[in-house]
C-alpha atoms as a PDB file:
ATOM      1  CA  MET A   1      -5.293   8.770  -7.783  1.00  0.00           C
ATOM      2  CA  ALA A   2      -2.358   6.419  -7.358  1.00  0.00           C
ATOM      3  CA  GLY A   3      -2.589   3.396  -5.106  1.00  0.00           C
ATOM      4  CA  LYS A   4      -0.338   2.456  -2.211  1.00  0.00           C
ATOM      5  CA  TRP A   5       0.663  -0.726  -0.453  1.00  0.00           C
ATOM      6  CA  ARG A   6       1.045  -1.372   3.260  1.00  0.00           C
ATOM      7  CA  LEU A   7       3.105  -4.192   4.689  1.00  0.00           C
ATOM      8  CA  THR A   8       2.832  -5.435   8.256  1.00  0.00           C
ATOM      9  CA  ILE A   9       5.321  -7.651  10.037  1.00  0.00           C
ATOM     10  CA  THR A  10       4.940  -9.104  13.511  1.00  0.00           C
ATOM     11  CA  GLN A  11       7.639 -10.058  15.974  1.00  0.00           C
ATOM     12  CA  ASP A  12       7.874 -10.523  19.695  1.00  0.00           C
ATOM     13  CA  PHE A  13      10.196 -10.216  22.642  1.00  0.00           C
ATOM     14  CA  SER A  14      10.094 -11.187  26.298  1.00  0.00           C
ATOM     15  CA  ALA A  15      10.856  -8.757  29.093  1.00  0.00           C
ATOM     16  CA  SER A  16       9.886  -7.688  32.588  1.00  0.00           C
ATOM     17  CA  HIS A  17       8.811  -4.239  33.695  1.00  0.00           C
ATOM     18  CA  GLN A  18       7.190  -2.283  36.518  1.00  0.00           C
ATOM     19  CA  LEU A  19       4.810   0.616  36.018  1.00  0.00           C
ATOM     20  CA  ARG A  20       5.872   3.327  38.445  1.00  0.00           C
ATOM     21  CA  ASN A  21       3.031   5.199  40.201  1.00  0.00           C
ATOM     22  CA  TYR A  22       0.457   2.699  38.916  1.00  0.00           C
ATOM     23  CA  GLY A  23      -1.142   2.032  42.270  1.00  0.00           C
ATOM     24  CA  GLY A  24      -1.888  -1.623  41.592  1.00  0.00           C
ATOM     25  CA  LYS A  25      -0.378  -5.010  40.817  1.00  0.00           C
ATOM     26  CA  CYS A  26       1.434  -3.740  37.722  1.00  0.00           C
ATOM     27  CA  GLU A  27       3.637  -1.609  39.962  1.00  0.00           C
ATOM     28  CA  ASN A  28       5.309  -4.897  40.974  1.00  0.00           C
ATOM     29  CA  MET A  29       7.838  -6.473  38.660  1.00  0.00           C
ATOM     30  CA  HIS A  30       6.141  -8.768  36.151  1.00  0.00           C
ATOM     31  CA  GLY A  31       6.824 -10.070  32.673  1.00  0.00           C
ATOM     32  CA  HIS A  32       5.216 -10.285  29.260  1.00  0.00           C
ATOM     33  CA  ASN A  33       5.756 -11.835  25.893  1.00  0.00           C
ATOM     34  CA  PHE A  34       5.284  -8.543  24.055  1.00  0.00           C
ATOM     35  CA  GLY A  35       3.917  -8.638  20.517  1.00  0.00           C
ATOM     36  CA  VAL A  36       5.171  -6.019  18.054  1.00  0.00           C
ATOM     37  CA  GLU A  37       3.624  -4.998  14.732  1.00  0.00           C
ATOM     38  CA  VAL A  38       5.463  -2.729  12.317  1.00  0.00           C
ATOM     39  CA  VAL A  39       3.598  -1.199   9.369  1.00  0.00           C
ATOM     40  CA  VAL A  40       5.303   0.426   6.381  1.00  0.00           C
ATOM     41  CA  GLU A  41       3.844   1.846   3.177  1.00  0.00           C
ATOM     42  CA  GLY A  42       4.956   2.827  -0.268  1.00  0.00           C
ATOM     43  CA  ASP A  43       3.622   3.524  -3.729  1.00  0.00           C
ATOM     44  CA  LYS A  44       6.109   1.861  -6.060  1.00  0.00           C
ATOM     45  CA  LEU A  45       6.870  -1.818  -6.482  1.00  0.00           C
ATOM     46  CA  ASP A  46      10.293  -3.188  -7.300  1.00  0.00           C
ATOM     47  CA  GLU A  47      10.462  -3.621 -11.081  1.00  0.00           C
ATOM     48  CA  LYS A  48      12.065  -7.078 -11.016  1.00  0.00           C
ATOM     49  CA  VAL A  49      10.302  -8.839  -8.143  1.00  0.00           C
ATOM     50  CA  HIS A  50       7.096  -6.757  -8.028  1.00  0.00           C
ATOM     51  CA  TYR A  51       7.080  -6.275  -4.276  1.00  0.00           C
ATOM     52  CA  LEU A  52       7.261  -3.145  -2.189  1.00  0.00           C
ATOM     53  CA  VAL A  53      10.196  -4.354  -0.099  1.00  0.00           C
ATOM     54  CA  ASP A  54      11.284  -7.757   1.130  1.00  0.00           C
ATOM     55  CA  PHE A  55       9.514  -8.611   4.388  1.00  0.00           C
ATOM     56  CA  LYS A  56      12.798  -9.956   5.741  1.00  0.00           C
ATOM     57  CA  GLU A  57      14.352  -6.466   5.485  1.00  0.00           C
ATOM     58  CA  ILE A  58      11.706  -4.979   7.764  1.00  0.00           C
ATOM     59  CA  LYS A  59      11.949  -7.982  10.106  1.00  0.00           C
ATOM     60  CA  ARG A  60      15.752  -7.702  10.314  1.00  0.00           C
ATOM     61  CA  ARG A  61      15.669  -4.010  11.160  1.00  0.00           C
ATOM     62  CA  THR A  62      12.956  -4.574  13.757  1.00  0.00           C
ATOM     63  CA  LYS A  63      14.842  -7.500  15.286  1.00  0.00           C
ATOM     64  CA  ASP A  64      17.915  -5.271  15.701  1.00  0.00           C
ATOM     65  CA  VAL A  65      15.851  -2.866  17.835  1.00  0.00           C
ATOM     66  CA  LEU A  66      14.089  -5.607  19.802  1.00  0.00           C
ATOM     67  CA  GLU A  67      17.419  -7.232  20.708  1.00  0.00           C
ATOM     68  CA  ARG A  68      18.003  -4.220  22.973  1.00  0.00           C
ATOM     69  CA  LEU A  69      14.794  -5.046  24.903  1.00  0.00           C
ATOM     70  CA  ASP A  70      14.571  -8.837  24.777  1.00  0.00           C
ATOM     71  CA  HIS A  71      15.045 -10.653  28.088  1.00  0.00           C
ATOM     72  CA  LYS A  72      15.732  -7.404  29.925  1.00  0.00           C
ATOM     73  CA  HIS A  73      14.118  -5.651  32.858  1.00  0.00           C
ATOM     74  CA  LEU A  74      12.864  -2.670  30.872  1.00  0.00           C
ATOM     75  CA  ASN A  75      13.008  -0.231  33.786  1.00  0.00           C
ATOM     76  CA  GLU A  76      16.788  -0.678  33.698  1.00  0.00           C
ATOM     77  CA  VAL A  77      17.136  -0.081  29.943  1.00  0.00           C
ATOM     78  CA  GLU A  78      18.487   3.441  29.437  1.00  0.00           C
ATOM     79  CA  CYS A  79      15.453   4.789  27.570  1.00  0.00           C
ATOM     80  CA  PHE A  80      13.076   3.729  30.382  1.00  0.00           C
ATOM     81  CA  THR A  81      14.960   4.740  33.516  1.00  0.00           C
ATOM     82  CA  GLU A  82      12.966   8.000  33.696  1.00  0.00           C
ATOM     83  CA  ILE A  83       9.742   7.159  31.825  1.00  0.00           C
ATOM     84  CA  ASN A  84       7.534   4.133  32.388  1.00  0.00           C
ATOM     85  CA  PRO A  85       8.055   1.185  30.054  1.00  0.00           C
ATOM     86  CA  SER A  86       4.343   1.116  29.211  1.00  0.00           C
ATOM     87  CA  SER A  87       3.176  -0.402  25.935  1.00  0.00           C
ATOM     88  CA  GLU A  88       2.643   3.148  24.668  1.00  0.00           C
ATOM     89  CA  ASN A  89       6.214   4.212  25.452  1.00  0.00           C
ATOM     90  CA  ILE A  90       7.673   0.960  24.126  1.00  0.00           C
ATOM     91  CA  ALA A  91       5.806   1.487  20.830  1.00  0.00           C
ATOM     92  CA  MET A  92       7.123   5.067  20.613  1.00  0.00           C
ATOM     93  CA  PHE A  93      10.672   3.904  21.369  1.00  0.00           C
ATOM     94  CA  ILE A  94      10.587   1.225  18.657  1.00  0.00           C
ATOM     95  CA  TYR A  95       9.064   3.688  16.167  1.00  0.00           C
ATOM     96  CA  ASN A  96      11.754   6.295  16.848  1.00  0.00           C
ATOM     97  CA  GLU A  97      14.525   3.722  16.533  1.00  0.00           C
ATOM     98  CA  LEU A  98      13.131   2.388  13.230  1.00  0.00           C
ATOM     99  CA  LYS A  99      11.989   5.528  11.424  1.00  0.00           C
ATOM    100  CA  ASP A 100      15.394   6.506  10.028  1.00  0.00           C
ATOM    101  CA  THR A 101      16.496   2.951   9.235  1.00  0.00           C
ATOM    102  CA  MET A 102      13.783   1.933   6.769  1.00  0.00           C
ATOM    103  CA  PRO A 103      14.656   1.368   3.110  1.00  0.00           C
ATOM    104  CA  ASP A 104      14.160   4.562   1.086  1.00  0.00           C
ATOM    105  CA  ILE A 105      11.288   3.057  -0.883  1.00  0.00           C
ATOM    106  CA  VAL A 106       8.994   2.787   2.173  1.00  0.00           C
ATOM    107  CA  ARG A 107       7.753   5.032   4.957  1.00  0.00           C
ATOM    108  CA  LEU A 108       7.207   3.808   8.497  1.00  0.00           C
ATOM    109  CA  VAL A 109       3.490   4.181   9.260  1.00  0.00           C
ATOM    110  CA  GLU A 110       3.056   2.872  12.790  1.00  0.00           C
ATOM    111  CA  VAL A 111       4.297   0.531  15.489  1.00  0.00           C
ATOM    112  CA  SER A 112       1.996  -1.400  17.824  1.00  0.00           C
ATOM    113  CA  VAL A 113       2.929  -3.204  21.030  1.00  0.00           C
ATOM    114  CA  SER A 114       0.704  -5.687  22.847  1.00  0.00           C
ATOM    115  CA  GLU A 115       1.102  -7.304  26.239  1.00  0.00           C
ATOM    116  CA  LYS A 116      -1.608  -9.839  25.381  1.00  0.00           C
ATOM    117  CA  ASP A 117      -3.821 -10.550  22.369  1.00  0.00           C
ATOM    118  CA  SER A 118      -6.733  -8.495  23.655  1.00  0.00           C
ATOM    119  CA  SER A 119      -4.912  -5.142  24.035  1.00  0.00           C
ATOM    120  CA  LYS A 120      -2.387  -3.145  22.052  1.00  0.00           C
ATOM    121  CA  ALA A 121      -0.958   0.360  21.935  1.00  0.00           C
ATOM    122  CA  THR A 122      -0.115   1.990  18.595  1.00  0.00           C
ATOM    123  CA  TYR A 123       2.220   4.913  17.949  1.00  0.00           C
ATOM    124  CA  TRP A 124       2.512   6.935  14.739  1.00  0.00           C
ATOM    125  CA  GLU A 125       3.454  10.430  13.661  1.00  0.00           C
ATOM    126  CA  ASP A 126       1.536  12.683  11.262  1.00  0.00           C
END
């Protein structure tokens, strides 16, 4: 059985949102410093450097996606005008935007989004 490697990068962005139909305080506009984790995996290391992929490549691609959300009111961002910008939907959005942009040597495993350190939502596809 061959081994695999998983790499995880973390980034963050700041934004406001409102959870429609929530029935509580979160239905009002409020903001978060969202934490984002992106996990990729692969089974072959680069022959020269002996790494799976440079962390900065994954960070750069993630940053490009997060720029579209950072310092925005998420309910007004096109992808969230109909669906709630919940942590779950934000994680799915980031995953879908990243999955076809990863270097060929790795596969996107999952994306997690947290509104605070004690809670996070993770999205992945089988």
